[in-house]
Amino acid sequence: IIVAPAGRGGHQALHKRLIDDLAVGNCVSFNDQQVGELIRYMSRYGSG
């Protein structure tokens, strides 16, 4: 489901990091700040 990002903007940095992590396996590690960012993108930024 996580595909290469298109365009520029706030979420592209998160998306690129996810793609880079998933290029070497199926696990992604998040620190506290990154978990917050993930949850915010999942729940607060509309239905894009």
All heavy atoms as atom14 arrays in JSON, in Angstrom:
{
  "sequence": "IIVAPAGRGGHQALHKRLIDDLAVGNCVSFNDQQVGELIRYMSRYGSG",
  "atom14_mask": [
    [1, 1, 1, 1, 1, 1, 1, 1, 0, 0, 0, 0, 0, 0],
    [1, 1, 1, 1, 1, 1, 1, 1, 0, 0, 0, 0, 0, 0],
    [1, 1, 1, 1, 1, 1, 1, 0, 0, 0, 0, 0, 0, 0],
    [1, 1, 1, 1, 1, 0, 0, 0, 0, 0, 0, 0, 0, 0],
    [1, 1, 1, 1, 1, 1, 1, 0, 0, 0, 0, 0, 0, 0],
    [1, 1, 1, 1, 1, 0, 0, 0, 0, 0, 0, 0, 0, 0],
    [1, 1, 1, 1, 0, 0, 0, 0, 0, 0, 0, 0, 0, 0],
    [1, 1, 1, 1, 1, 1, 1, 1, 1, 1, 1, 0, 0, 0],
    [1, 1, 1, 1, 0, 0, 0, 0, 0, 0, 0, 0, 0, 0],
    [1, 1, 1, 1, 0, 0, 0, 0, 0, 0, 0, 0, 0, 0],
    [1, 1, 1, 1, 1, 1, 1, 1, 1, 1, 0, 0, 0, 0],
    [1, 1, 1, 1, 1, 1, 1, 1, 1, 0, 0, 0, 0, 0],
    [1, 1, 1, 1, 1, 0, 0, 0, 0, 0, 0, 0, 0, 0],
    [1, 1, 1, 1, 1, 1, 1, 1, 0, 0, 0, 0, 0, 0],
    [1, 1, 1, 1, 1, 1, 1, 1, 1, 1, 0, 0, 0, 0],
    [1, 1, 1, 1, 1, 1, 1, 1, 1, 0, 0, 0, 0, 0],
    [1, 1, 1, 1, 1, 1, 1, 1, 1, 1, 1, 0, 0, 0],
    [1, 1, 1, 1, 1, 1, 1, 1, 0, 0, 0, 0, 0, 0],
    [1, 1, 1, 1, 1, 1, 1, 1, 0, 0, 0, 0, 0, 0],
    [1, 1, 1, 1, 1, 1, 1, 1, 0, 0, 0, 0, 0, 0],
    [1, 1, 1, 1, 1, 1, 1, 1, 0, 0, 0, 0, 0, 0],
    [1, 1, 1, 1, 1, 1, 1, 1, 0, 0, 0, 0, 0, 0],
    [1, 1, 1, 1, 1, 0, 0, 0, 0, 0, 0, 0, 0, 0],
    [1, 1, 1, 1, 1, 1, 1, 0, 0, 0, 0, 0, 0, 0],
    [1, 1, 1, 1, 0, 0, 0, 0, 0, 0, 0, 0, 0, 0],
    [1, 1, 1, 1, 1, 1, 1, 1, 0, 0, 0, 0, 0, 0],
    [1, 1, 1, 1, 1, 1, 0, 0, 0, 0, 0, 0, 0, 0],
    [1, 1, 1, 1, 1, 1, 1, 0, 0, 0, 0, 0, 0, 0],
    [1, 1, 1, 1, 1, 1, 0, 0, 0, 0, 0, 0, 0, 0],
    [1, 1, 1, 1, 1, 1, 1, 1, 1, 1, 1, 0, 0, 0],
    [1, 1, 1, 1, 1, 1, 1, 1, 0, 0, 0, 0, 0, 0],
    [1, 1, 1, 1, 1, 1, 1, 1, 0, 0, 0, 0, 0, 0],
    [1, 1, 1, 1, 1, 1, 1, 1, 1, 0, 0, 0, 0, 0],
    [1, 1, 1, 1, 1, 1, 1, 1, 1, 0, 0, 0, 0, 0],
    [1, 1, 1, 1, 1, 1, 1, 0, 0, 0, 0, 0, 0, 0],
    [1, 1, 1, 1, 0, 0, 0, 0, 0, 0, 0, 0, 0, 0],
    [1, 1, 1, 1, 1, 1, 1, 1, 1, 0, 0, 0, 0, 0],
    [1, 1, 1, 1, 1, 1, 1, 1, 0, 0, 0, 0, 0, 0],
    [1, 1, 1, 1, 1, 1, 1, 1, 0, 0, 0, 0, 0, 0],
    [1, 1, 1, 1, 1, 1, 1, 1, 1, 1, 1, 0, 0, 0],
    [1, 1, 1, 1, 1, 1, 1, 1, 1, 1, 1, 1, 0, 0],
    [1, 1, 1, 1, 1, 1, 1, 1, 0, 0, 0, 0, 0, 0],
    [1, 1, 1, 1, 1, 1, 0, 0, 0, 0, 0, 0, 0, 0],
    [1, 1, 1, 1, 1, 1, 1, 1, 1, 1, 1, 0, 0, 0],
    [1, 1, 1, 1, 1, 1, 1, 1, 1, 1, 1, 1, 0, 0],
    [1, 1, 1, 1, 0, 0, 0, 0, 0, 0, 0, 0, 0, 0],
    [1, 1, 1, 1, 1, 1, 0, 0, 0, 0, 0, 0, 0, 0],
    [1, 1, 1, 1, 0, 0, 0, 0, 0, 0, 0, 0, 0, 0]
  ],
  "atom14_positions": [
    [[0.83, -1.21, 0.0], [0.0, 0.0, 0.0], [0.87, 1.26, 0.0], [0.51, 2.28, -0.56], [-0.96, -0.01, 1.2], [-1.99, -1.13, 1.03], [-1.65, 1.33, 1.39], [-2.83, -1.39, 2.26], [0.0, 0.0, 0.0], [0.0, 0.0, 0.0], [0.0, 0.0, 0.0], [0.0, 0.0, 0.0], [0.0, 0.0, 0.0], [0.0, 0.0, 0.0]],
    [[2.02, 1.19, 0.64], [2.92, 2.35, 0.72], [3.71, 2.42, -0.58], [4.58, 1.6, -0.82], [3.86, 2.24, 1.94], [3.07, 2.04, 3.24], [4.78, 3.44, 2.03], [2.14, 3.19, 3.58], [0.0, 0.0, 0.0], [0.0, 0.0, 0.0], [0.0, 0.0, 0.0], [0.0, 0.0, 0.0], [0.0, 0.0, 0.0], [0.0, 0.0, 0.0]],
    [[3.4, 3.41, -1.4], [4.04, 3.54, -2.72], [4.9, 4.8, -2.75], [4.83, 5.64, -1.85], [2.99, 3.57, -3.84], [2.22, 2.26, -3.91], [2.04, 4.73, -3.65], [0.0, 0.0, 0.0], [0.0, 0.0, 0.0], [0.0, 0.0, 0.0], [0.0, 0.0, 0.0], [0.0, 0.0, 0.0], [0.0, 0.0, 0.0], [0.0, 0.0, 0.0]],
    [[5.67, 4.95, -3.81], [6.58, 6.11, -3.93], [5.8, 7.42, -3.86], [4.73, 7.53, -4.44], [7.35, 6.01, -5.23], [0.0, 0.0, 0.0], [0.0, 0.0, 0.0], [0.0, 0.0, 0.0], [0.0, 0.0, 0.0], [0.0, 0.0, 0.0], [0.0, 0.0, 0.0], [0.0, 0.0, 0.0], [0.0, 0.0, 0.0], [0.0, 0.0, 0.0]],
    [[6.35, 8.4, -3.16], [5.66, 9.68, -3.05], [5.69, 10.46, -4.36], [6.57, 10.27, -5.18], [6.45, 10.42, -1.97], [7.8, 9.82, -2.02], [7.61, 8.39, -2.43], [0.0, 0.0, 0.0], [0.0, 0.0, 0.0], [0.0, 0.0, 0.0], [0.0, 0.0, 0.0], [0.0, 0.0, 0.0], [0.0, 0.0, 0.0], [0.0, 0.0, 0.0]],
    [[4.71, 11.32, -4.52], [4.66, 12.2, -5.68], [4.54, 13.63, -5.17], [3.89, 13.88, -4.16], [3.47, 11.85, -6.56], [0.0, 0.0, 0.0], [0.0, 0.0, 0.0], [0.0, 0.0, 0.0], [0.0, 0.0, 0.0], [0.0, 0.0, 0.0], [0.0, 0.0, 0.0], [0.0, 0.0, 0.0], [0.0, 0.0, 0.0], [0.0, 0.0, 0.0]],
    [[5.16, 14.54, -5.84], [5.05, 15.94, -5.46], [5.96, 16.3, -4.32], [6.89, 15.58, -3.98], [0.0, 0.0, 0.0], [0.0, 0.0, 0.0], [0.0, 0.0, 0.0], [0.0, 0.0, 0.0], [0.0, 0.0, 0.0], [0.0, 0.0, 0.0], [0.0, 0.0, 0.0], [0.0, 0.0, 0.0], [0.0, 0.0, 0.0], [0.0, 0.0, 0.0]],
    [[5.65, 17.46, -3.72], [6.44, 17.94, -2.59], [5.48, 18.39, -1.51], [4.34, 18.74, -1.78], [7.33, 19.1, -3.02], [8.41, 18.7, -3.99], [9.41, 19.8, -4.18], [8.78, 21.05, -4.56], [9.05, 21.73, -5.65], [9.92, 21.27, -6.5], [8.45, 22.87, -5.91], [0.0, 0.0, 0.0], [0.0, 0.0, 0.0], [0.0, 0.0, 0.0]],
    [[5.95, 18.42, -0.3], [5.1, 18.87, 0.8], [5.47, 18.14, 2.07], [6.42, 17.37, 2.11], [0.0, 0.0, 0.0], [0.0, 0.0, 0.0], [0.0, 0.0, 0.0], [0.0, 0.0, 0.0], [0.0, 0.0, 0.0], [0.0, 0.0, 0.0], [0.0, 0.0, 0.0], [0.0, 0.0, 0.0], [0.0, 0.0, 0.0], [0.0, 0.0, 0.0]],
    [[4.68, 18.37, 3.1], [4.99, 17.85, 4.42], [5.04, 16.34, 4.51], [5.91, 15.78, 5.15], [0.0, 0.0, 0.0], [0.0, 0.0, 0.0], [0.0, 0.0, 0.0], [0.0, 0.0, 0.0], [0.0, 0.0, 0.0], [0.0, 0.0, 0.0], [0.0, 0.0, 0.0], [0.0, 0.0, 0.0], [0.0, 0.0, 0.0], [0.0, 0.0, 0.0]],
    [[4.11, 15.66, 3.87], [4.07, 14.22, 4.06], [5.11, 13.47, 3.25], [5.38, 12.31, 3.53], [2.66, 13.67, 3.77], [2.34, 13.51, 2.33], [1.72, 14.47, 1.6], [2.58, 12.48, 1.47], [1.56, 14.05, 0.36], [2.09, 12.86, 0.25], [0.0, 0.0, 0.0], [0.0, 0.0, 0.0], [0.0, 0.0, 0.0], [0.0, 0.0, 0.0]],
    [[5.71, 14.09, 2.24], [6.67, 13.37, 1.41], [7.88, 12.9, 2.2], [8.43, 11.83, 1.93], [7.11, 14.2, 0.21], [6.13, 14.13, -0.95], [4.92, 15.0, -0.73], [4.91, 15.89, 0.12], [3.86, 14.76, -1.48], [0.0, 0.0, 0.0], [0.0, 0.0, 0.0], [0.0, 0.0, 0.0], [0.0, 0.0, 0.0], [0.0, 0.0, 0.0]],
    [[8.32, 13.66, 3.2], [9.47, 13.24, 4.01], [9.11, 11.97, 4.78], [9.91, 11.02, 4.84], [9.9, 14.35, 4.95], [0.0, 0.0, 0.0], [0.0, 0.0, 0.0], [0.0, 0.0, 0.0], [0.0, 0.0, 0.0], [0.0, 0.0, 0.0], [0.0, 0.0, 0.0], [0.0, 0.0, 0.0], [0.0, 0.0, 0.0], [0.0, 0.0, 0.0]],
    [[7.93, 11.93, 5.37], [7.47, 10.73, 6.08], [7.35, 9.58, 5.1], [7.83, 8.47, 5.37], [6.13, 10.99, 6.77], [5.43, 9.76, 7.34], [6.27, 9.1, 8.43], [4.06, 10.14, 7.88], [0.0, 0.0, 0.0], [0.0, 0.0, 0.0], [0.0, 0.0, 0.0], [0.0, 0.0, 0.0], [0.0, 0.0, 0.0], [0.0, 0.0, 0.0]],
    [[6.74, 9.82, 3.98], [6.53, 8.76, 2.99], [7.86, 8.2, 2.5], [8.03, 6.98, 2.39], [5.71, 9.33, 1.84], [4.96, 8.3, 1.08], [4.05, 8.61, 0.12], [4.99, 6.94, 1.11], [3.55, 7.51, -0.39], [4.1, 6.49, 0.2], [0.0, 0.0, 0.0], [0.0, 0.0, 0.0], [0.0, 0.0, 0.0], [0.0, 0.0, 0.0]],
    [[8.83, 9.06, 2.21], [10.15, 8.6, 1.76], [10.82, 7.75, 2.82], [11.41, 6.72, 2.51], [11.03, 9.78, 1.38], [12.4, 9.32, 0.87], [13.25, 10.45, 0.43], [14.61, 10.06, -0.06], [15.13, 8.76, 0.24], [0.0, 0.0, 0.0], [0.0, 0.0, 0.0], [0.0, 0.0, 0.0], [0.0, 0.0, 0.0], [0.0, 0.0, 0.0]],
    [[10.72, 8.16, 4.08], [11.33, 7.38, 5.16], [10.68, 6.0, 5.26], [11.37, 4.98, 5.42], [11.21, 8.1, 6.5], [12.01, 7.43, 7.6], [11.92, 8.18, 8.9], [10.69, 7.95, 9.6], [10.41, 6.83, 10.29], [11.27, 5.85, 10.34], [9.27, 6.7, 10.91], [0.0, 0.0, 0.0], [0.0, 0.0, 0.0], [0.0, 0.0, 0.0]],
    [[9.36, 5.94, 5.13], [8.67, 4.65, 5.18], [9.13, 3.76, 4.03], [9.41, 2.58, 4.22], [7.16, 4.86, 5.12], [6.52, 5.58, 6.3], [5.05, 5.83, 6.03], [6.73, 4.82, 7.59], [0.0, 0.0, 0.0], [0.0, 0.0, 0.0], [0.0, 0.0, 0.0], [0.0, 0.0, 0.0], [0.0, 0.0, 0.0], [0.0, 0.0, 0.0]],
    [[9.21, 4.33, 2.84], [9.64, 3.55, 1.68], [11.07, 3.05, 1.86], [11.38, 1.89, 1.58], [9.5, 4.39, 0.39], [8.02, 4.59, 0.07], [10.22, 3.73, -0.78], [7.77, 5.61, -1.01], [0.0, 0.0, 0.0], [0.0, 0.0, 0.0], [0.0, 0.0, 0.0], [0.0, 0.0, 0.0], [0.0, 0.0, 0.0], [0.0, 0.0, 0.0]],
    [[11.95, 3.91, 2.37], [13.35, 3.5, 2.59], [13.42, 2.37, 3.61], [14.16, 1.4, 3.42], [14.18, 4.69, 3.07], [14.42, 5.73, 1.98], [14.12, 5.45, 0.8], [14.87, 6.84, 2.32], [0.0, 0.0, 0.0], [0.0, 0.0, 0.0], [0.0, 0.0, 0.0], [0.0, 0.0, 0.0], [0.0, 0.0, 0.0], [0.0, 0.0, 0.0]],
    [[12.67, 2.48, 4.71], [12.67, 1.42, 5.73], [12.1, 0.12, 5.17], [12.64, -0.96, 5.43], [11.85, 1.83, 6.95], [12.55, 2.85, 7.83], [13.72, 3.2, 7.53], [11.95, 3.3, 8.82], [0.0, 0.0, 0.0], [0.0, 0.0, 0.0], [0.0, 0.0, 0.0], [0.0, 0.0, 0.0], [0.0, 0.0, 0.0], [0.0, 0.0, 0.0]],
    [[11.03, 0.22, 4.39], [10.38, -0.98, 3.86], [11.15, -1.6, 2.71], [10.89, -2.75, 2.34], [8.95, -0.65, 3.44], [8.02, -0.3, 4.6], [6.69, 0.24, 4.08], [7.8, -1.5, 5.51], [0.0, 0.0, 0.0], [0.0, 0.0, 0.0], [0.0, 0.0, 0.0], [0.0, 0.0, 0.0], [0.0, 0.0, 0.0], [0.0, 0.0, 0.0]],
    [[12.13, -0.9, 2.16], [12.96, -1.46, 1.09], [13.83, -2.61, 1.6], [14.25, -3.45, 0.81], [13.83, -0.38, 0.47], [0.0, 0.0, 0.0], [0.0, 0.0, 0.0], [0.0, 0.0, 0.0], [0.0, 0.0, 0.0], [0.0, 0.0, 0.0], [0.0, 0.0, 0.0], [0.0, 0.0, 0.0], [0.0, 0.0, 0.0], [0.0, 0.0, 0.0]],
    [[14.06, -2.65, 2.91], [14.94, -3.69, 3.47], [14.18, -4.7, 4.31], [14.78, -5.58, 4.92], [16.09, -3.07, 4.3], [17.0, -2.25, 3.41], [15.55, -2.24, 5.44], [0.0, 0.0, 0.0], [0.0, 0.0, 0.0], [0.0, 0.0, 0.0], [0.0, 0.0, 0.0], [0.0, 0.0, 0.0], [0.0, 0.0, 0.0], [0.0, 0.0, 0.0]],
    [[12.88, -4.62, 4.37], [12.09, -5.57, 5.14], [10.67, -5.06, 5.34], [10.25, -4.11, 4.68], [0.0, 0.0, 0.0], [0.0, 0.0, 0.0], [0.0, 0.0, 0.0], [0.0, 0.0, 0.0], [0.0, 0.0, 0.0], [0.0, 0.0, 0.0], [0.0, 0.0, 0.0], [0.0, 0.0, 0.0], [0.0, 0.0, 0.0], [0.0, 0.0, 0.0]],
    [[9.96, -5.67, 6.27], [8.57, -5.3, 6.51], [8.38, -4.52, 7.8], [7.25, -4.33, 8.24], [7.68, -6.55, 6.55], [7.41, -7.1, 5.17], [8.1, -6.8, 4.21], [6.38, -7.9, 5.06], [0.0, 0.0, 0.0], [0.0, 0.0, 0.0], [0.0, 0.0, 0.0], [0.0, 0.0, 0.0], [0.0, 0.0, 0.0], [0.0, 0.0, 0.0]],
    [[9.47, -4.09, 8.44], [9.37, -3.4, 9.72], [9.77, -1.93, 9.59], [10.68, -1.59, 8.84], [10.26, -4.05, 10.77], [9.67, -5.66, 11.27], [0.0, 0.0, 0.0], [0.0, 0.0, 0.0], [0.0, 0.0, 0.0], [0.0, 0.0, 0.0], [0.0, 0.0, 0.0], [0.0, 0.0, 0.0], [0.0, 0.0, 0.0], [0.0, 0.0, 0.0]],
    [[9.07, -1.1, 10.35], [9.39, 0.32, 10.44], [9.45, 0.66, 11.91], [8.57, 0.29, 12.69], [8.31, 1.19, 9.76], [8.67, 2.64, 9.83], [8.09, 0.77, 8.31], [0.0, 0.0, 0.0], [0.0, 0.0, 0.0], [0.0, 0.0, 0.0], [0.0, 0.0, 0.0], [0.0, 0.0, 0.0], [0.0, 0.0, 0.0], [0.0, 0.0, 0.0]],
    [[10.52, 1.34, 12.34], [10.66, 1.77, 13.73], [10.36, 3.25, 13.83], [10.74, 4.04, 12.97], [12.08, 1.5, 14.24], [12.3, 0.11, 14.32], [0.0, 0.0, 0.0], [0.0, 0.0, 0.0], [0.0, 0.0, 0.0], [0.0, 0.0, 0.0], [0.0, 0.0, 0.0], [0.0, 0.0, 0.0], [0.0, 0.0, 0.0], [0.0, 0.0, 0.0]],
    [[9.67, 3.61, 14.91], [9.28, 4.99, 15.15], [9.69, 5.41, 16.54], [9.45, 4.67, 17.51], [7.75, 5.14, 15.06], [7.16, 4.81, 13.73], [6.74, 3.53, 13.44], [7.0, 5.79, 12.77], [6.18, 3.22, 12.21], [6.44, 5.5, 11.54], [6.03, 4.21, 11.26], [0.0, 0.0, 0.0], [0.0, 0.0, 0.0], [0.0, 0.0, 0.0]],
    [[10.27, 6.61, 16.68], [10.45, 7.16, 18.02], [9.14, 7.84, 18.4], [8.18, 7.86, 17.62], [11.66, 8.11, 18.08], [11.51, 9.34, 17.2], [10.41, 9.83, 16.93], [12.63, 9.87, 16.72], [0.0, 0.0, 0.0], [0.0, 0.0, 0.0], [0.0, 0.0, 0.0], [0.0, 0.0, 0.0], [0.0, 0.0, 0.0], [0.0, 0.0, 0.0]],
    [[9.06, 8.39, 19.61], [7.81, 8.98, 20.09], [7.29, 10.07, 19.16], [6.1, 10.14, 18.84], [7.98, 9.55, 21.5], [8.12, 8.47, 22.55], [7.87, 7.29, 22.25], [8.49, 8.81, 23.69], [0.0, 0.0, 0.0], [0.0, 0.0, 0.0], [0.0, 0.0, 0.0], [0.0, 0.0, 0.0], [0.0, 0.0, 0.0], [0.0, 0.0, 0.0]],
    [[8.17, 10.94, 18.72], [7.78, 12.03, 17.83], [7.24, 11.49, 16.5], [6.24, 11.98, 15.98], [8.96, 12.96, 17.58], [8.64, 14.12, 16.65], [9.85, 15.02, 16.42], [10.87, 14.89, 17.08], [9.73, 15.92, 15.47], [0.0, 0.0, 0.0], [0.0, 0.0, 0.0], [0.0, 0.0, 0.0], [0.0, 0.0, 0.0], [0.0, 0.0, 0.0]],
    [[7.89, 10.47, 15.96], [7.47, 9.9, 14.69], [6.13, 9.16, 14.81], [5.33, 9.2, 13.88], [8.56, 8.96, 14.16], [9.82, 9.7, 13.76], [11.0, 8.78, 13.58], [11.09, 7.7, 14.18], [11.93, 9.19, 12.73], [0.0, 0.0, 0.0], [0.0, 0.0, 0.0], [0.0, 0.0, 0.0], [0.0, 0.0, 0.0], [0.0, 0.0, 0.0]],
    [[5.88, 8.5, 15.95], [4.59, 7.86, 16.17], [3.49, 8.91, 16.16], [2.44, 8.74, 15.54], [4.55, 7.05, 17.49], [3.14, 6.61, 17.82], [5.48, 5.86, 17.42], [0.0, 0.0, 0.0], [0.0, 0.0, 0.0], [0.0, 0.0, 0.0], [0.0, 0.0, 0.0], [0.0, 0.0, 0.0], [0.0, 0.0, 0.0], [0.0, 0.0, 0.0]],
    [[3.75, 10.04, 16.83], [2.79, 11.13, 16.84], [2.52, 11.65, 15.44], [1.37, 11.91, 15.07], [0.0, 0.0, 0.0], [0.0, 0.0, 0.0], [0.0, 0.0, 0.0], [0.0, 0.0, 0.0], [0.0, 0.0, 0.0], [0.0, 0.0, 0.0], [0.0, 0.0, 0.0], [0.0, 0.0, 0.0], [0.0, 0.0, 0.0], [0.0, 0.0, 0.0]],
    [[3.57, 11.79, 14.65], [3.42, 12.26, 13.27], [2.58, 11.27, 12.46], [1.66, 11.67, 11.73], [4.8, 12.44, 12.64], [4.76, 12.92, 11.21], [6.14, 13.04, 10.58], [7.07, 12.31, 10.99], [6.28, 13.86, 9.67], [0.0, 0.0, 0.0], [0.0, 0.0, 0.0], [0.0, 0.0, 0.0], [0.0, 0.0, 0.0], [0.0, 0.0, 0.0]],
    [[2.87, 9.99, 12.59], [2.12, 8.96, 11.88], [0.64, 9.03, 12.24], [-0.23, 9.05, 11.36], [2.69, 7.58, 12.19], [1.92, 6.39, 11.6], [2.03, 6.37, 10.09], [2.43, 5.09, 12.2], [0.0, 0.0, 0.0], [0.0, 0.0, 0.0], [0.0, 0.0, 0.0], [0.0, 0.0, 0.0], [0.0, 0.0, 0.0], [0.0, 0.0, 0.0]],
    [[0.35, 9.09, 13.52], [-1.05, 9.11, 13.96], [-1.74, 10.4, 13.51], [-2.9, 10.36, 13.09], [-1.12, 8.91, 15.48], [-0.69, 7.47, 15.8], [-2.53, 9.2, 16.0], [-0.53, 7.17, 17.26], [0.0, 0.0, 0.0], [0.0, 0.0, 0.0], [0.0, 0.0, 0.0], [0.0, 0.0, 0.0], [0.0, 0.0, 0.0], [0.0, 0.0, 0.0]],
    [[-1.05, 11.52, 13.55], [-1.64, 12.77, 13.04], [-1.99, 12.66, 11.56], [-3.08, 13.04, 11.14], [-0.71, 13.95, 13.28], [-0.79, 14.52, 14.68], [-0.05, 15.84, 14.8], [1.36, 15.76, 14.45], [2.32, 15.28, 15.24], [2.01, 14.82, 16.44], [3.57, 15.26, 14.85], [0.0, 0.0, 0.0], [0.0, 0.0, 0.0], [0.0, 0.0, 0.0]],
    [[-1.08, 12.13, 10.76], [-1.37, 11.98, 9.33], [-2.52, 11.0, 9.11], [-3.32, 11.18, 8.19], [-0.14, 11.53, 8.55], [0.72, 12.68, 8.12], [1.93, 12.94, 8.71], [0.29, 13.54, 7.1], [2.71, 14.01, 8.31], [1.06, 14.62, 6.69], [2.28, 14.84, 7.3], [3.04, 15.9, 6.91], [0.0, 0.0, 0.0], [0.0, 0.0, 0.0]],
    [[-2.61, 9.97, 9.92], [-3.68, 9.0, 9.77], [-5.04, 9.56, 10.19], [-6.06, 9.14, 9.66], [-3.38, 7.76, 10.61], [-2.24, 6.92, 10.1], [-1.81, 5.57, 11.22], [-3.29, 4.56, 11.13], [0.0, 0.0, 0.0], [0.0, 0.0, 0.0], [0.0, 0.0, 0.0], [0.0, 0.0, 0.0], [0.0, 0.0, 0.0], [0.0, 0.0, 0.0]],
    [[-5.06, 10.5, 11.13], [-6.34, 10.88, 11.73], [-6.75, 12.34, 11.58], [-7.93, 12.65, 11.69], [-6.32, 10.53, 13.21], [-5.32, 11.28, 13.88], [0.0, 0.0, 0.0], [0.0, 0.0, 0.0], [0.0, 0.0, 0.0], [0.0, 0.0, 0.0], [0.0, 0.0, 0.0], [0.0, 0.0, 0.0], [0.0, 0.0, 0.0], [0.0, 0.0, 0.0]],
    [[-5.84, 13.24, 11.31], [-6.18, 14.65, 11.36], [-6.1, 15.41, 10.05], [-6.54, 16.54, 9.98], [-5.27, 15.38, 12.35], [-5.54, 14.99, 13.77], [-4.87, 15.96, 14.66], [-5.5, 15.95, 15.95], [-5.14, 16.7, 16.94], [-4.15, 17.56, 16.77], [-5.75, 16.64, 18.08], [0.0, 0.0, 0.0], [0.0, 0.0, 0.0], [0.0, 0.0, 0.0]],
    [[-5.53, 14.83, 9.04], [-5.29, 15.59, 7.82], [-6.22, 15.18, 6.69], [-5.83, 15.14, 5.53], [-3.83, 15.48, 7.4], [-2.88, 16.08, 8.42], [-1.8, 15.37, 8.89], [-3.1, 17.35, 8.92], [-0.93, 15.93, 9.83], [-2.25, 17.91, 9.87], [-1.17, 17.19, 10.31], [-0.33, 17.74, 11.23], [0.0, 0.0, 0.0], [0.0, 0.0, 0.0]],
    [[-7.46, 14.88, 7.0], [-8.44, 14.6, 5.98], [-8.35, 13.2, 5.41], [-7.74, 12.31, 5.98], [0.0, 0.0, 0.0], [0.0, 0.0, 0.0], [0.0, 0.0, 0.0], [0.0, 0.0, 0.0], [0.0, 0.0, 0.0], [0.0, 0.0, 0.0], [0.0, 0.0, 0.0], [0.0, 0.0, 0.0], [0.0, 0.0, 0.0], [0.0, 0.0, 0.0]],
    [[-8.98, 13.05, 4.27], [-9.08, 11.72, 3.68], [-8.35, 11.62, 2.35], [-8.8, 10.95, 1.44], [-10.55, 11.36, 3.5], [-11.17, 12.33, 2.66], [0.0, 0.0, 0.0], [0.0, 0.0, 0.0], [0.0, 0.0, 0.0], [0.0, 0.0, 0.0], [0.0, 0.0, 0.0], [0.0, 0.0, 0.0], [0.0, 0.0, 0.0], [0.0, 0.0, 0.0]],
    [[-7.24, 12.31, 2.24], [-6.46, 12.26, 1.0], [-5.89, 10.88, 0.76], [-5.96, 9.99, 1.6], [0.0, 0.0, 0.0], [0.0, 0.0, 0.0], [0.0, 0.0, 0.0], [0.0, 0.0, 0.0], [0.0, 0.0, 0.0], [0.0, 0.0, 0.0], [0.0, 0.0, 0.0], [0.0, 0.0, 0.0], [0.0, 0.0, 0.0], [0.0, 0.0, 0.0]]
  ]
}
